[in-house]
């Protein structure tokens, strides 16, 4: 059982979560299932979401696994039909799929520090940059096109996108990911205005630095000591620590609650220990 941030009741709500095979969205799926929702867990990693669904079922909760690629619209349409038949039309959509790619990452933080054999800004691969933009932006747009159709027809619903504090303050080495998340934030505001007359609300959270399987080796040395990059991150975070996955859940529940946040739309909420608010002095 996951520790919920506060008592919440999403009984009967159908919550569709992309990227549910990962740490962050996996915890969101567990939390919504524990709060009574009917959870559709989507991810390219079929084994990961099946394990998640089985875990929830063993606790008497309703979560079903749906292998899905957020860049395959036809596949998403097929999943939407299955979700509708098995759980009902989507009430809450959480666009959690995303990520970076080494092909869109420089080796050096600053160009004057480039070394032979490294990957400079001029060496970034167009295919890698394109993949990162498609995964984060198109991977948010396409599921919204598919699942928000049910919301528009019923004139109610909630969309929650996953942006990043990179959208506020771009990080060195990852220009494509920072730019793509800025696009997600902008798209969130666009959707909020576009759907304002339909009863659909659209917001986003912007997580700060969390430790995950994807970045653990970048943040910690084999002996557990923080790397130089991790030390810089913590020095720029007023709270002096990394954010934990469970600390996102309170904001997620609030923004997805049609009673508590009935007039909240177009918001991008940082959850970053103060990182985006700190100038360094």
C-alpha atoms as a PDB file:
ATOM      1  CA  UNK A   1       0.000   0.000   0.000  1.00  0.00           C
ATOM      2  CA  UNK A   2       1.230   3.487  -0.820  1.00  0.00           C
ATOM      3  CA  UNK A   3       0.859   6.241   1.786  1.00  0.00           C
ATOM      4  CA  UNK A   4      -1.712   8.707   0.480  1.00  0.00           C
ATOM      5  CA  UNK A   5      -1.060  12.415   1.088  1.00  0.00           C
ATOM      6  CA  UNK A   6      -4.594  12.908   2.438  1.00  0.00           C
ATOM      7  CA  UNK A   7      -7.949  11.100   2.335  1.00  0.00           C
ATOM      8  CA  UNK A   8      -9.231  11.262  -1.230  1.00  0.00           C
ATOM      9  CA  UNK A   9     -12.152   9.640  -2.966  1.00  0.00           C
ATOM     10  CA  UNK A  10     -12.003   9.010  -6.706  1.00  0.00           C
ATOM     11  CA  UNK A  11     -14.509   6.176  -6.566  1.00  0.00           C
ATOM     12  CA  UNK A  12     -15.953   5.359  -9.952  1.00  0.00           C
ATOM     13  CA  UNK A  13     -13.581   7.661 -11.847  1.00  0.00           C
ATOM     14  CA  UNK A  14     -11.714   6.190 -14.790  1.00  0.00           C
ATOM     15  CA  UNK A  15      -8.107   7.417 -14.619  1.00  0.00           C
ATOM     16  CA  UNK A  16      -5.896   6.801 -17.658  1.00  0.00           C
ATOM     17  CA  UNK A  17      -2.165   7.137 -16.960  1.00  0.00           C
ATOM     18  CA  UNK A  18       0.524   6.964 -19.650  1.00  0.00           C
ATOM     19  CA  UNK A  19       4.054   6.066 -18.622  1.00  0.00           C
ATOM     20  CA  UNK A  20       2.610   4.014 -15.763  1.00  0.00           C
ATOM     21  CA  UNK A  21       5.464   1.534 -16.001  1.00  0.00           C
ATOM     22  CA  UNK A  22       7.840   4.136 -14.536  1.00  0.00           C
ATOM     23  CA  UNK A  23       8.440   5.129 -10.937  1.00  0.00           C
ATOM     24  CA  UNK A  24       6.516   8.420 -10.835  1.00  0.00           C
ATOM     25  CA  UNK A  25       3.426   7.421 -12.782  1.00  0.00           C
ATOM     26  CA  UNK A  26       3.454   3.966 -11.248  1.00  0.00           C
ATOM     27  CA  UNK A  27       3.065   5.581  -7.834  1.00  0.00           C
ATOM     28  CA  UNK A  28       0.290   7.790  -9.210  1.00  0.00           C
ATOM     29  CA  UNK A  29      -1.510   4.704 -10.508  1.00  0.00           C
ATOM     30  CA  UNK A  30      -1.196   2.995  -7.117  1.00  0.00           C
ATOM     31  CA  UNK A  31      -2.474   6.095  -5.328  1.00  0.00           C
ATOM     32  CA  UNK A  32      -5.522   6.530  -7.569  1.00  0.00           C
ATOM     33  CA  UNK A  33      -6.372   2.830  -7.349  1.00  0.00           C
ATOM     34  CA  UNK A  34      -6.115   3.016  -3.569  1.00  0.00           C
ATOM     35  CA  UNK A  35      -8.411   6.071  -3.642  1.00  0.00           C
ATOM     36  CA  UNK A  36     -11.088   4.048  -5.421  1.00  0.00           C
ATOM     37  CA  UNK A  37     -10.460   4.929  -9.074  1.00  0.00           C
ATOM     38  CA  UNK A  38     -10.596   2.502 -11.968  1.00  0.00           C
ATOM     39  CA  UNK A  39      -7.059   2.863 -13.313  1.00  0.00           C
ATOM     40  CA  UNK A  40      -5.933   2.180 -16.868  1.00  0.00           C
ATOM     41  CA  UNK A  41      -2.140   1.848 -16.748  1.00  0.00           C
ATOM     42  CA  UNK A  42      -0.513   2.459 -20.161  1.00  0.00           C
ATOM     43  CA  UNK A  43       3.133   1.893 -21.042  1.00  0.00           C
ATOM     44  CA  UNK A  44       5.305   0.460 -23.810  1.00  0.00           C
ATOM     45  CA  UNK A  45       6.735  -1.899 -21.195  1.00  0.00           C
ATOM     46  CA  UNK A  46       3.931  -4.448 -21.003  1.00  0.00           C
ATOM     47  CA  UNK A  47       5.614  -6.427 -18.215  1.00  0.00           C
ATOM     48  CA  UNK A  48       5.976  -3.363 -15.997  1.00  0.00           C
ATOM     49  CA  UNK A  49       2.321  -2.340 -16.186  1.00  0.00           C
ATOM     50  CA  UNK A  50       1.138  -5.927 -15.778  1.00  0.00           C
ATOM     51  CA  UNK A  51       3.168  -6.200 -12.565  1.00  0.00           C
ATOM     52  CA  UNK A  52       1.614  -2.926 -11.423  1.00  0.00           C
ATOM     53  CA  UNK A  53      -1.906  -4.111 -12.237  1.00  0.00           C
ATOM     54  CA  UNK A  54      -1.335  -7.432 -10.448  1.00  0.00           C
ATOM     55  CA  UNK A  55      -0.016  -5.620  -7.385  1.00  0.00           C
ATOM     56  CA  UNK A  56      -3.162  -3.485  -7.250  1.00  0.00           C
ATOM     57  CA  UNK A  57      -5.449  -6.458  -7.843  1.00  0.00           C
ATOM     58  CA  UNK A  58      -3.819  -8.327  -4.961  1.00  0.00           C
ATOM     59  CA  UNK A  59      -4.834  -5.420  -2.734  1.00  0.00           C
ATOM     60  CA  UNK A  60      -8.428  -5.482  -3.937  1.00  0.00           C
ATOM     61  CA  UNK A  61      -8.033  -2.456  -6.198  1.00  0.00           C
ATOM     62  CA  UNK A  62      -8.979  -1.998  -9.843  1.00  0.00           C
ATOM     63  CA  UNK A  63      -6.072  -1.381 -12.190  1.00  0.00           C
ATOM     64  CA  UNK A  64      -5.712  -2.841 -15.663  1.00  0.00           C
ATOM     65  CA  UNK A  65      -2.622  -2.931 -17.833  1.00  0.00           C
ATOM     66  CA  UNK A  66      -2.660  -1.733 -21.443  1.00  0.00           C
ATOM     67  CA  UNK A  67       0.519  -1.974 -23.529  1.00  0.00           C
ATOM     68  CA  UNK A  68       0.625   1.249 -25.543  1.00  0.00           C
ATOM     69  CA  UNK A  69       2.980   3.538 -27.437  1.00  0.00           C
ATOM     70  CA  UNK A  70       2.050   7.196 -26.975  1.00  0.00           C
ATOM     71  CA  UNK A  71       3.422   7.961 -30.456  1.00  0.00           C
ATOM     72  CA  UNK A  72       1.091   5.437 -32.128  1.00  0.00           C
ATOM     73  CA  UNK A  73      -2.293   7.130 -32.487  1.00  0.00           C
ATOM     74  CA  UNK A  74      -4.005   4.113 -34.030  1.00  0.00           C
ATOM     75  CA  UNK A  75      -2.765   1.969 -31.182  1.00  0.00           C
ATOM     76  CA  UNK A  76      -4.018   4.529 -28.665  1.00  0.00           C
ATOM     77  CA  UNK A  77      -7.431   4.518 -30.324  1.00  0.00           C
ATOM     78  CA  UNK A  78      -7.558   0.748 -29.898  1.00  0.00           C
ATOM     79  CA  UNK A  79      -6.633   1.106 -26.232  1.00  0.00           C
ATOM     80  CA  UNK A  80      -9.323   3.762 -25.782  1.00  0.00           C
ATOM     81  CA  UNK A  81     -11.924   1.347 -27.106  1.00  0.00           C
ATOM     82  CA  UNK A  82     -10.724  -1.378 -24.728  1.00  0.00           C
ATOM     83  CA  UNK A  83     -10.693   0.978 -21.759  1.00  0.00           C
ATOM     84  CA  UNK A  84     -14.209   2.130 -22.613  1.00  0.00           C
ATOM     85  CA  UNK A  85     -15.475  -1.449 -22.784  1.00  0.00           C
ATOM     86  CA  UNK A  86     -13.684  -2.669 -19.665  1.00  0.00           C
ATOM     87  CA  UNK A  87     -13.656   0.366 -17.345  1.00  0.00           C
ATOM     88  CA  UNK A  88     -15.744   3.102 -18.950  1.00  0.00           C
ATOM     89  CA  UNK A  89     -14.973   6.457 -20.617  1.00  0.00           C
ATOM     90  CA  UNK A  90     -11.954   8.426 -19.393  1.00  0.00           C
ATOM     91  CA  UNK A  91     -12.566  10.959 -16.611  1.00  0.00           C
ATOM     92  CA  UNK A  92      -8.938  11.840 -15.821  1.00  0.00           C
ATOM     93  CA  UNK A  93      -5.987  11.654 -18.216  1.00  0.00           C
ATOM     94  CA  UNK A  94      -2.457  11.871 -16.852  1.00  0.00           C
ATOM     95  CA  UNK A  95       0.135  12.309 -19.600  1.00  0.00           C
ATOM     96  CA  UNK A  96       3.166  10.884 -17.873  1.00  0.00           C
ATOM     97  CA  UNK A  97       5.152   9.316 -20.715  1.00  0.00           C
ATOM     98  CA  UNK A  98       8.339  11.184 -21.563  1.00  0.00           C
ATOM     99  CA  UNK A  99      12.081  11.235 -21.127  1.00  0.00           C
ATOM    100  CA  UNK A 100      15.441  12.172 -22.580  1.00  0.00           C
ATOM    101  CA  UNK A 101      17.840  10.383 -24.932  1.00  0.00           C
ATOM    102  CA  UNK A 102      21.674  10.272 -24.983  1.00  0.00           C
ATOM    103  CA  UNK A 103      21.662  11.272 -28.660  1.00  0.00           C
ATOM    104  CA  UNK A 104      20.215  14.646 -27.630  1.00  0.00           C
ATOM    105  CA  UNK A 105      22.621  15.217 -24.738  1.00  0.00           C
ATOM    106  CA  UNK A 106      25.979  16.997 -24.769  1.00  0.00           C
ATOM    107  CA  UNK A 107      28.959  15.591 -22.877  1.00  0.00           C
ATOM    108  CA  UNK A 108      30.020  18.984 -21.559  1.00  0.00           C
ATOM    109  CA  UNK A 109      28.061  21.635 -19.707  1.00  0.00           C
ATOM    110  CA  UNK A 110      29.872  24.518 -21.416  1.00  0.00           C
ATOM    111  CA  UNK A 111      31.250  24.594 -24.947  1.00  0.00           C
ATOM    112  CA  UNK A 112      34.642  25.894 -23.904  1.00  0.00           C
ATOM    113  CA  UNK A 113      35.041  22.734 -21.801  1.00  0.00           C
ATOM    114  CA  UNK A 114      34.514  20.387 -24.755  1.00  0.00           C
ATOM    115  CA  UNK A 115      37.088  17.601 -25.010  1.00  0.00           C
ATOM    116  CA  UNK A 116      38.091  15.440 -27.995  1.00  0.00           C
ATOM    117  CA  UNK A 117      35.851  12.426 -28.315  1.00  0.00           C
ATOM    118  CA  UNK A 118      33.022  14.029 -26.396  1.00  0.00           C
ATOM    119  CA  UNK A 119      29.665  15.119 -27.783  1.00  0.00           C
ATOM    120  CA  UNK A 120      29.471  18.881 -28.230  1.00  0.00           C
ATOM    121  CA  UNK A 121      26.415  20.931 -29.129  1.00  0.00           C
ATOM    122  CA  UNK A 122      27.472  20.665 -32.774  1.00  0.00           C
ATOM    123  CA  UNK A 123      27.473  16.860 -32.540  1.00  0.00           C
ATOM    124  CA  UNK A 124      23.880  16.465 -31.367  1.00  0.00           C
ATOM    125  CA  UNK A 125      22.053  14.049 -33.647  1.00  0.00           C
ATOM    126  CA  UNK A 126      18.932  15.451 -35.348  1.00  0.00           C
ATOM    127  CA  UNK A 127      17.222  12.075 -34.957  1.00  0.00           C
ATOM    128  CA  UNK A 128      17.859  12.118 -31.221  1.00  0.00           C
ATOM    129  CA  UNK A 129      16.563  15.652 -30.808  1.00  0.00           C
ATOM    130  CA  UNK A 130      13.505  14.802 -32.884  1.00  0.00           C
ATOM    131  CA  UNK A 131      12.851  11.688 -30.787  1.00  0.00           C
ATOM    132  CA  UNK A 132      12.957  13.648 -27.525  1.00  0.00           C
ATOM    133  CA  UNK A 133      10.565  16.300 -28.851  1.00  0.00           C
ATOM    134  CA  UNK A 134       8.197  13.697 -30.236  1.00  0.00           C
ATOM    135  CA  UNK A 135       8.209  11.588 -27.077  1.00  0.00           C
ATOM    136  CA  UNK A 136       7.515  14.515 -24.750  1.00  0.00           C
ATOM    137  CA  UNK A 137       5.339  16.807 -26.872  1.00  0.00           C
ATOM    138  CA  UNK A 138       3.645  14.483 -29.356  1.00  0.00           C
ATOM    139  CA  UNK A 139       3.492  11.916 -26.557  1.00  0.00           C
ATOM    140  CA  UNK A 140       1.321  14.397 -24.685  1.00  0.00           C
ATOM    141  CA  UNK A 141      -0.675  15.710 -27.636  1.00  0.00           C
ATOM    142  CA  UNK A 142      -1.684  12.343 -29.152  1.00  0.00           C
ATOM    143  CA  UNK A 143      -3.113  10.721 -25.982  1.00  0.00           C
ATOM    144  CA  UNK A 144      -4.980  13.971 -25.334  1.00  0.00           C
ATOM    145  CA  UNK A 145      -6.505  13.886 -28.808  1.00  0.00           C
ATOM    146  CA  UNK A 146      -7.606  10.305 -28.217  1.00  0.00           C
ATOM    147  CA  UNK A 147      -8.865  10.284 -24.621  1.00  0.00           C
ATOM    148  CA  UNK A 148     -10.134  13.868 -24.271  1.00  0.00           C
ATOM    149  CA  UNK A 149     -12.740  13.101 -26.931  1.00  0.00           C
ATOM    150  CA  UNK A 150     -14.762  11.266 -24.269  1.00  0.00           C
ATOM    151  CA  UNK A 151     -14.453  14.256 -21.941  1.00  0.00           C
ATOM    152  CA  UNK A 152     -15.557  16.746 -24.589  1.00  0.00           C
ATOM    153  CA  UNK A 153     -18.635  14.679 -25.359  1.00  0.00           C
ATOM    154  CA  UNK A 154     -19.599  14.518 -21.663  1.00  0.00           C
ATOM    155  CA  UNK A 155     -18.502  18.124 -20.978  1.00  0.00           C
ATOM    156  CA  UNK A 156     -16.385  17.179 -17.964  1.00  0.00           C
ATOM    157  CA  UNK A 157     -12.953  15.827 -17.241  1.00  0.00           C
ATOM    158  CA  UNK A 158      -9.421  16.612 -16.219  1.00  0.00           C
ATOM    159  CA  UNK A 159      -6.092  16.461 -18.049  1.00  0.00           C
ATOM    160  CA  UNK A 160      -2.852  16.535 -16.073  1.00  0.00           C
ATOM    161  CA  UNK A 161       0.426  16.864 -17.970  1.00  0.00           C
ATOM    162  CA  UNK A 162       3.887  16.191 -16.584  1.00  0.00           C
ATOM    163  CA  UNK A 163       6.178  19.107 -17.314  1.00  0.00           C
ATOM    164  CA  UNK A 164       9.455  19.736 -15.485  1.00  0.00           C
ATOM    165  CA  UNK A 165      11.338  22.454 -13.687  1.00  0.00           C
ATOM    166  CA  UNK A 166      13.505  22.310 -16.855  1.00  0.00           C
ATOM    167  CA  UNK A 167      10.651  24.222 -18.451  1.00  0.00           C
ATOM    168  CA  UNK A 168      11.320  27.142 -16.078  1.00  0.00           C
ATOM    169  CA  UNK A 169      15.111  26.897 -15.868  1.00  0.00           C
ATOM    170  CA  UNK A 170      16.781  24.927 -18.697  1.00  0.00           C
ATOM    171  CA  UNK A 171      19.536  22.600 -17.559  1.00  0.00           C
ATOM    172  CA  UNK A 172      22.937  22.283 -19.140  1.00  0.00           C
ATOM    173  CA  UNK A 173      23.621  19.276 -21.399  1.00  0.00           C
ATOM    174  CA  UNK A 174      19.951  18.507 -22.227  1.00  0.00           C
ATOM    175  CA  UNK A 175      18.666  21.219 -24.594  1.00  0.00           C
ATOM    176  CA  UNK A 176      16.093  19.030 -26.346  1.00  0.00           C
ATOM    177  CA  UNK A 177      14.506  17.763 -23.136  1.00  0.00           C
ATOM    178  CA  UNK A 178      14.375  21.244 -21.604  1.00  0.00           C
ATOM    179  CA  UNK A 179      12.823  22.687 -24.762  1.00  0.00           C
ATOM    180  CA  UNK A 180      10.332  19.832 -25.058  1.00  0.00           C
ATOM    181  CA  UNK A 181       9.141  20.266 -21.482  1.00  0.00           C
ATOM    182  CA  UNK A 182       8.761  24.018 -22.064  1.00  0.00           C
ATOM    183  CA  UNK A 183       6.535  23.055 -24.987  1.00  0.00           C
ATOM    184  CA  UNK A 184       4.490  20.797 -22.692  1.00  0.00           C
ATOM    185  CA  UNK A 185       3.943  23.706 -20.289  1.00  0.00           C
ATOM    186  CA  UNK A 186       2.873  25.986 -23.110  1.00  0.00           C
ATOM    187  CA  UNK A 187       0.604  23.284 -24.528  1.00  0.00           C
ATOM    188  CA  UNK A 188      -0.996  22.859 -21.100  1.00  0.00           C
ATOM    189  CA  UNK A 189      -2.009  26.516 -21.086  1.00  0.00           C
ATOM    190  CA  UNK A 190      -3.212  26.265 -24.685  1.00  0.00           C
ATOM    191  CA  UNK A 191      -5.401  23.277 -23.840  1.00  0.00           C
ATOM    192  CA  UNK A 192      -6.797  25.028 -20.777  1.00  0.00           C
ATOM    193  CA  UNK A 193      -8.011  27.922 -22.897  1.00  0.00           C
ATOM    194  CA  UNK A 194      -9.142  25.733 -25.807  1.00  0.00           C
ATOM    195  CA  UNK A 195     -11.292  23.475 -23.642  1.00  0.00           C
ATOM    196  CA  UNK A 196     -12.473  26.110 -21.168  1.00  0.00           C
ATOM    197  CA  UNK A 197     -16.031  26.056 -22.474  1.00  0.00           C
ATOM    198  CA  UNK A 198     -16.335  22.269 -22.404  1.00  0.00           C
ATOM    199  CA  UNK A 199     -15.924  21.587 -18.693  1.00  0.00           C
ATOM    200  CA  UNK A 200     -12.448  20.105 -19.217  1.00  0.00           C
ATOM    201  CA  UNK A 201      -9.668  21.436 -17.005  1.00  0.00           C
ATOM    202  CA  UNK A 202      -5.994  21.068 -17.964  1.00  0.00           C
ATOM    203  CA  UNK A 203      -3.053  21.608 -15.633  1.00  0.00           C
ATOM    204  CA  UNK A 204       0.486  20.327 -15.198  1.00  0.00           C
ATOM    205  CA  UNK A 205       2.973  19.586 -12.480  1.00  0.00           C
ATOM    206  CA  UNK A 206       6.645  20.428 -12.915  1.00  0.00           C
ATOM    207  CA  UNK A 207       8.688  18.011 -10.803  1.00  0.00           C
ATOM    208  CA  UNK A 208      12.159  18.919  -9.719  1.00  0.00           C
ATOM    209  CA  UNK A 209      15.013  16.487  -9.282  1.00  0.00           C
ATOM    210  CA  UNK A 210      13.953  12.991  -8.296  1.00  0.00           C
ATOM    211  CA  UNK A 211      16.150   9.919  -8.102  1.00  0.00           C
ATOM    212  CA  UNK A 212      15.028   7.254 -10.565  1.00  0.00           C
ATOM    213  CA  UNK A 213      16.499   4.243 -12.319  1.00  0.00           C
ATOM    214  CA  UNK A 214      17.167   6.476 -15.351  1.00  0.00           C
ATOM    215  CA  UNK A 215      19.329   9.022 -13.553  1.00  0.00           C
ATOM    216  CA  UNK A 216      20.717   7.160 -10.538  1.00  0.00           C
ATOM    217  CA  UNK A 217      24.136   6.637 -12.154  1.00  0.00           C
ATOM    218  CA  UNK A 218      24.321  10.341 -13.042  1.00  0.00           C
ATOM    219  CA  UNK A 219      23.605  11.414  -9.479  1.00  0.00           C
ATOM    220  CA  UNK A 220      25.464   8.867  -7.367  1.00  0.00           C
ATOM    221  CA  UNK A 221      28.800   7.132  -7.525  1.00  0.00           C
ATOM    222  CA  UNK A 222      29.019   3.339  -6.969  1.00  0.00           C
ATOM    223  CA  UNK A 223      29.789   3.904  -3.271  1.00  0.00           C
ATOM    224  CA  UNK A 224      26.642   6.029  -2.857  1.00  0.00           C
ATOM    225  CA  UNK A 225      28.404   9.389  -2.738  1.00  0.00           C
ATOM    226  CA  UNK A 226      26.788  12.180  -4.794  1.00  0.00           C
ATOM    227  CA  UNK A 227      28.431  13.021  -8.105  1.00  0.00           C
ATOM    228  CA  UNK A 228      29.634  16.533  -8.906  1.00  0.00           C
ATOM    229  CA  UNK A 229      26.392  17.172 -10.818  1.00  0.00           C
ATOM    230  CA  UNK A 230      24.298  15.994  -7.862  1.00  0.00           C
ATOM    231  CA  UNK A 231      26.206  18.324  -5.537  1.00  0.00           C
ATOM    232  CA  UNK A 232      25.477  21.241  -7.874  1.00  0.00           C
ATOM    233  CA  UNK A 233      21.796  20.302  -7.940  1.00  0.00           C
ATOM    234  CA  UNK A 234      21.533  20.150  -4.165  1.00  0.00           C
ATOM    235  CA  UNK A 235      23.416  23.445  -3.817  1.00  0.00           C
ATOM    236  CA  UNK A 236      20.801  25.060  -6.062  1.00  0.00           C
ATOM    237  CA  UNK A 237      17.845  23.570  -4.185  1.00  0.00           C
ATOM    238  CA  UNK A 238      16.849  25.637  -1.126  1.00  0.00           C
ATOM    239  CA  UNK A 239      15.440  22.560   0.630  1.00  0.00           C
ATOM    240  CA  UNK A 240      18.812  20.863   0.120  1.00  0.00           C
ATOM    241  CA  UNK A 241      17.477  17.479  -0.967  1.00  0.00           C
ATOM    242  CA  UNK A 242      15.938  15.564  -3.841  1.00  0.00           C
ATOM    243  CA  UNK A 243      12.173  15.379  -4.248  1.00  0.00           C
ATOM    244  CA  UNK A 244      10.559  12.016  -3.536  1.00  0.00           C
ATOM    245  CA  UNK A 245       7.962  10.440  -5.815  1.00  0.00           C
ATOM    246  CA  UNK A 246       5.304  10.376  -3.086  1.00  0.00           C
ATOM    247  CA  UNK A 247       5.647  14.148  -2.679  1.00  0.00           C
ATOM    248  CA  UNK A 248       3.981  14.659  -6.062  1.00  0.00           C
ATOM    249  CA  UNK A 249       0.787  12.907  -5.045  1.00  0.00           C
ATOM    250  CA  UNK A 250      -0.819  15.703  -3.034  1.00  0.00           C
ATOM    251  CA  UNK A 251      -0.651  18.114  -5.964  1.00  0.00           C
ATOM    252  CA  UNK A 252      -1.779  15.407  -8.383  1.00  0.00           C
ATOM    253  CA  UNK A 253      -4.833  14.566  -6.290  1.00  0.00           C
ATOM    254  CA  UNK A 254      -5.714  18.236  -5.820  1.00  0.00           C
ATOM    255  CA  UNK A 255      -5.427  19.183  -9.484  1.00  0.00           C
ATOM    256  CA  UNK A 256      -7.459  16.122 -10.546  1.00  0.00           C
ATOM    257  CA  UNK A 257     -10.221  16.699  -7.975  1.00  0.00           C
ATOM    258  CA  UNK A 258     -13.185  18.290  -9.739  1.00  0.00           C
ATOM    259  CA  UNK A 259     -14.493  19.642  -6.427  1.00  0.00           C
ATOM    260  CA  UNK A 260     -11.311  20.978  -4.841  1.00  0.00           C
ATOM    261  CA  UNK A 261      -9.847  22.441  -8.062  1.00  0.00           C
ATOM    262  CA  UNK A 262     -13.028  23.226  -9.989  1.00  0.00           C
ATOM    263  CA  UNK A 263     -11.755  26.663 -11.098  1.00  0.00           C
ATOM    264  CA  UNK A 264      -8.077  25.722 -11.467  1.00  0.00           C
ATOM    265  CA  UNK A 265      -6.975  25.369 -15.081  1.00  0.00           C
ATOM    266  CA  UNK A 266      -3.881  26.392 -17.026  1.00  0.00           C
ATOM    267  CA  UNK A 267      -1.601  26.043 -13.993  1.00  0.00           C
ATOM    268  CA  UNK A 268       1.918  24.577 -14.143  1.00  0.00           C
ATOM    269  CA  UNK A 269       2.813  23.793 -10.540  1.00  0.00           C
ATOM    270  CA  UNK A 270       6.496  23.360  -9.603  1.00  0.00           C
ATOM    271  CA  UNK A 271       7.249  20.628  -7.061  1.00  0.00           C
ATOM    272  CA  UNK A 272      10.986  21.074  -6.821  1.00  0.00           C
ATOM    273  CA  UNK A 273      12.110  21.995  -3.324  1.00  0.00           C
ATOM    274  CA  UNK A 274      12.379  25.632  -4.392  1.00  0.00           C
ATOM    275  CA  UNK A 275      14.815  25.027  -7.260  1.00  0.00           C
ATOM    276  CA  UNK A 276      12.945  27.153  -9.812  1.00  0.00           C
ATOM    277  CA  UNK A 277      12.584  30.014  -7.307  1.00  0.00           C
ATOM    278  CA  UNK A 278      16.266  30.221  -6.341  1.00  0.00           C
ATOM    279  CA  UNK A 279      18.719  32.535  -8.090  1.00  0.00           C
ATOM    280  CA  UNK A 280      21.780  31.056  -6.421  1.00  0.00           C
ATOM    281  CA  UNK A 281      22.405  34.041  -4.159  1.00  0.00           C
END
